[in-house]
Amino acid sequence: MFCPRCSGLLMPNEGKMKCSCGYVQNDGTLTEKKKKTKDVQVVQEKFDESLPKIKHDCSECKNREAYFWTRQMRSSDEPESKFYKCTKCSKIDRED
């Protein structure tokens, strides 16, 4: 039997059919397991001085220099995202 939410395989667990995505089959009906939510805190730090600078045209002020960094935003088999922060106006551009 397959999960209608993620198409994963439902496995027997504690007398019920459960999926790793959180769905639980109860008496022929599916209920979604409530996930615990966490508050995310954004930390604004000045880390620009440690980042490398690269030639990049800013989409806002047309400055030609930006700070550069990469981050893995999706699954590991997808390419990482590149970020450019303008040295003049601090606008951040993202390239996937």
C-alpha atoms as a PDB file:
ATOM      1  CA  MET A   1       0.000   0.000   0.000  1.00  0.00           C
ATOM      2  CA  PHE A   2       1.280   3.468  -0.886  1.00  0.00           C
ATOM      3  CA  CYS A   3       0.911   6.831   0.799  1.00  0.00           C
ATOM      4  CA  PRO A   4      -1.448   9.215  -1.063  1.00  0.00           C
ATOM      5  CA  ARG A   5       0.602  12.214   0.058  1.00  0.00           C
ATOM      6  CA  CYS A   6       4.146  11.303  -0.995  1.00  0.00           C
ATOM      7  CA  SER A   7       3.691   7.940  -2.776  1.00  0.00           C
ATOM      8  CA  GLY A   8       5.995   6.320  -0.223  1.00  0.00           C
ATOM      9  CA  LEU A   9       5.474   2.810   1.062  1.00  0.00           C
ATOM     10  CA  LEU A  10       3.180   2.494   4.091  1.00  0.00           C
ATOM     11  CA  MET A  11       4.768   0.273   6.731  1.00  0.00           C
ATOM     12  CA  PRO A  12       3.079  -1.472   9.672  1.00  0.00           C
ATOM     13  CA  ASN A  13       3.940   0.219  12.955  1.00  0.00           C
ATOM     14  CA  GLU A  14       2.094  -0.133  16.266  1.00  0.00           C
ATOM     15  CA  GLY A  15      -0.862  -1.839  14.589  1.00  0.00           C
ATOM     16  CA  LYS A  16      -1.321   0.943  12.023  1.00  0.00           C
ATOM     17  CA  MET A  17       0.031   1.598   8.561  1.00  0.00           C
ATOM     18  CA  LYS A  18       2.388   4.587   8.726  1.00  0.00           C
ATOM     19  CA  CYS A  19       4.486   6.539   6.255  1.00  0.00           C
ATOM     20  CA  SER A  20       7.755   8.345   6.917  1.00  0.00           C
ATOM     21  CA  CYS A  21       6.163  11.644   5.752  1.00  0.00           C
ATOM     22  CA  GLY A  22       3.777  11.576   8.722  1.00  0.00           C
ATOM     23  CA  TYR A  23       0.596  10.006   7.354  1.00  0.00           C
ATOM     24  CA  VAL A  24      -1.099   7.327   9.453  1.00  0.00           C
ATOM     25  CA  GLN A  25      -3.868   5.044   8.196  1.00  0.00           C
ATOM     26  CA  ASN A  26      -6.591   4.554  10.829  1.00  0.00           C
ATOM     27  CA  ASP A  27      -9.529   2.221  10.055  1.00  0.00           C
ATOM     28  CA  GLY A  28      -9.356   2.944   6.334  1.00  0.00           C
ATOM     29  CA  THR A  29      -9.022   6.710   6.776  1.00  0.00           C
ATOM     30  CA  LEU A  30      -5.818   8.682   6.514  1.00  0.00           C
ATOM     31  CA  THR A  31      -4.828  11.278   9.062  1.00  0.00           C
ATOM     32  CA  GLU A  32      -1.817  13.546   8.915  1.00  0.00           C
ATOM     33  CA  LYS A  33       0.608  13.470  11.802  1.00  0.00           C
ATOM     34  CA  LYS A  34       1.103  16.972  13.158  1.00  0.00           C
ATOM     35  CA  LYS A  35       4.678  18.108  12.896  1.00  0.00           C
ATOM     36  CA  LYS A  36       6.259  20.167  15.598  1.00  0.00           C
ATOM     37  CA  THR A  37       7.125  23.632  14.391  1.00  0.00           C
ATOM     38  CA  LYS A  38      10.129  25.587  15.485  1.00  0.00           C
ATOM     39  CA  ASP A  39      10.629  29.317  15.479  1.00  0.00           C
ATOM     40  CA  VAL A  40      13.423  30.375  13.159  1.00  0.00           C
ATOM     41  CA  GLN A  41      15.600  33.232  14.261  1.00  0.00           C
ATOM     42  CA  VAL A  42      17.404  35.287  11.669  1.00  0.00           C
ATOM     43  CA  VAL A  43      20.841  36.424  12.743  1.00  0.00           C
ATOM     44  CA  GLN A  44      22.035  39.587  11.051  1.00  0.00           C
ATOM     45  CA  GLU A  45      25.791  39.645  11.292  1.00  0.00           C
ATOM     46  CA  LYS A  46      28.420  41.502   9.340  1.00  0.00           C
ATOM     47  CA  PHE A  47      30.130  38.683   7.524  1.00  0.00           C
ATOM     48  CA  ASP A  48      30.752  40.557   4.278  1.00  0.00           C
ATOM     49  CA  GLU A  49      34.389  41.313   5.060  1.00  0.00           C
ATOM     50  CA  SER A  50      35.271  37.611   5.067  1.00  0.00           C
ATOM     51  CA  LEU A  51      33.533  36.845   1.753  1.00  0.00           C
ATOM     52  CA  PRO A  52      35.380  36.936  -1.565  1.00  0.00           C
ATOM     53  CA  LYS A  53      34.592  39.719  -4.026  1.00  0.00           C
ATOM     54  CA  ILE A  54      33.728  38.958  -7.637  1.00  0.00           C
ATOM     55  CA  LYS A  55      32.780  40.909 -10.750  1.00  0.00           C
ATOM     56  CA  HIS A  56      28.988  40.819 -10.936  1.00  0.00           C
ATOM     57  CA  ASP A  57      26.535  43.358 -12.352  1.00  0.00           C
ATOM     58  CA  CYS A  58      24.030  44.466  -9.717  1.00  0.00           C
ATOM     59  CA  SER A  59      20.448  44.333 -11.002  1.00  0.00           C
ATOM     60  CA  GLU A  60      19.529  47.439  -8.991  1.00  0.00           C
ATOM     61  CA  CYS A  61      22.385  49.990  -8.983  1.00  0.00           C
ATOM     62  CA  LYS A  62      24.500  48.541 -11.845  1.00  0.00           C
ATOM     63  CA  ASN A  63      27.569  48.311  -9.615  1.00  0.00           C
ATOM     64  CA  ARG A  64      30.064  45.769 -10.988  1.00  0.00           C
ATOM     65  CA  GLU A  65      31.413  44.271  -7.752  1.00  0.00           C
ATOM     66  CA  ALA A  66      29.708  41.913  -5.310  1.00  0.00           C
ATOM     67  CA  TYR A  67      30.409  39.560  -2.440  1.00  0.00           C
ATOM     68  CA  PHE A  68      29.929  35.903  -3.370  1.00  0.00           C
ATOM     69  CA  TRP A  69      28.888  32.735  -1.498  1.00  0.00           C
ATOM     70  CA  THR A  70      27.133  29.441  -2.197  1.00  0.00           C
ATOM     71  CA  ARG A  71      24.615  27.403  -0.236  1.00  0.00           C
ATOM     72  CA  GLN A  72      22.983  24.007  -0.752  1.00  0.00           C
ATOM     73  CA  MET A  73      19.259  24.865  -0.732  1.00  0.00           C
ATOM     74  CA  ARG A  74      17.735  21.699  -2.195  1.00  0.00           C
ATOM     75  CA  SER A  75      18.554  18.020  -2.074  1.00  0.00           C
ATOM     76  CA  SER A  76      22.162  16.968  -2.475  1.00  0.00           C
ATOM     77  CA  ASP A  77      21.708  15.776  -6.045  1.00  0.00           C
ATOM     78  CA  GLU A  78      20.732  19.307  -7.161  1.00  0.00           C
ATOM     79  CA  PRO A  79      23.319  22.051  -7.786  1.00  0.00           C
ATOM     80  CA  GLU A  80      23.968  24.613  -5.074  1.00  0.00           C
ATOM     81  CA  SER A  81      22.607  28.171  -5.236  1.00  0.00           C
ATOM     82  CA  LYS A  82      24.969  31.104  -5.743  1.00  0.00           C
ATOM     83  CA  PHE A  83      24.400  34.400  -3.965  1.00  0.00           C
ATOM     84  CA  TYR A  84      25.807  37.812  -4.896  1.00  0.00           C
ATOM     85  CA  LYS A  85      25.583  40.793  -2.520  1.00  0.00           C
ATOM     86  CA  CYS A  86      26.313  44.164  -4.056  1.00  0.00           C
ATOM     87  CA  THR A  87      29.175  46.011  -2.350  1.00  0.00           C
ATOM     88  CA  LYS A  88      27.398  49.340  -2.943  1.00  0.00           C
ATOM     89  CA  CYS A  89      23.647  48.905  -2.293  1.00  0.00           C
ATOM     90  CA  SER A  90      23.711  45.500  -0.469  1.00  0.00           C
ATOM     91  CA  LYS A  91      21.057  43.980  -2.766  1.00  0.00           C
ATOM     92  CA  ILE A  92      21.293  40.188  -2.839  1.00  0.00           C
ATOM     93  CA  ASP A  93      20.834  38.331  -6.134  1.00  0.00           C
ATOM     94  CA  ARG A  94      20.338  34.567  -6.241  1.00  0.00           C
ATOM     95  CA  GLU A  95      21.359  32.312  -9.104  1.00  0.00           C
ATOM     96  CA  ASP A  96      20.175  28.695  -9.121  1.00  0.00           C
END
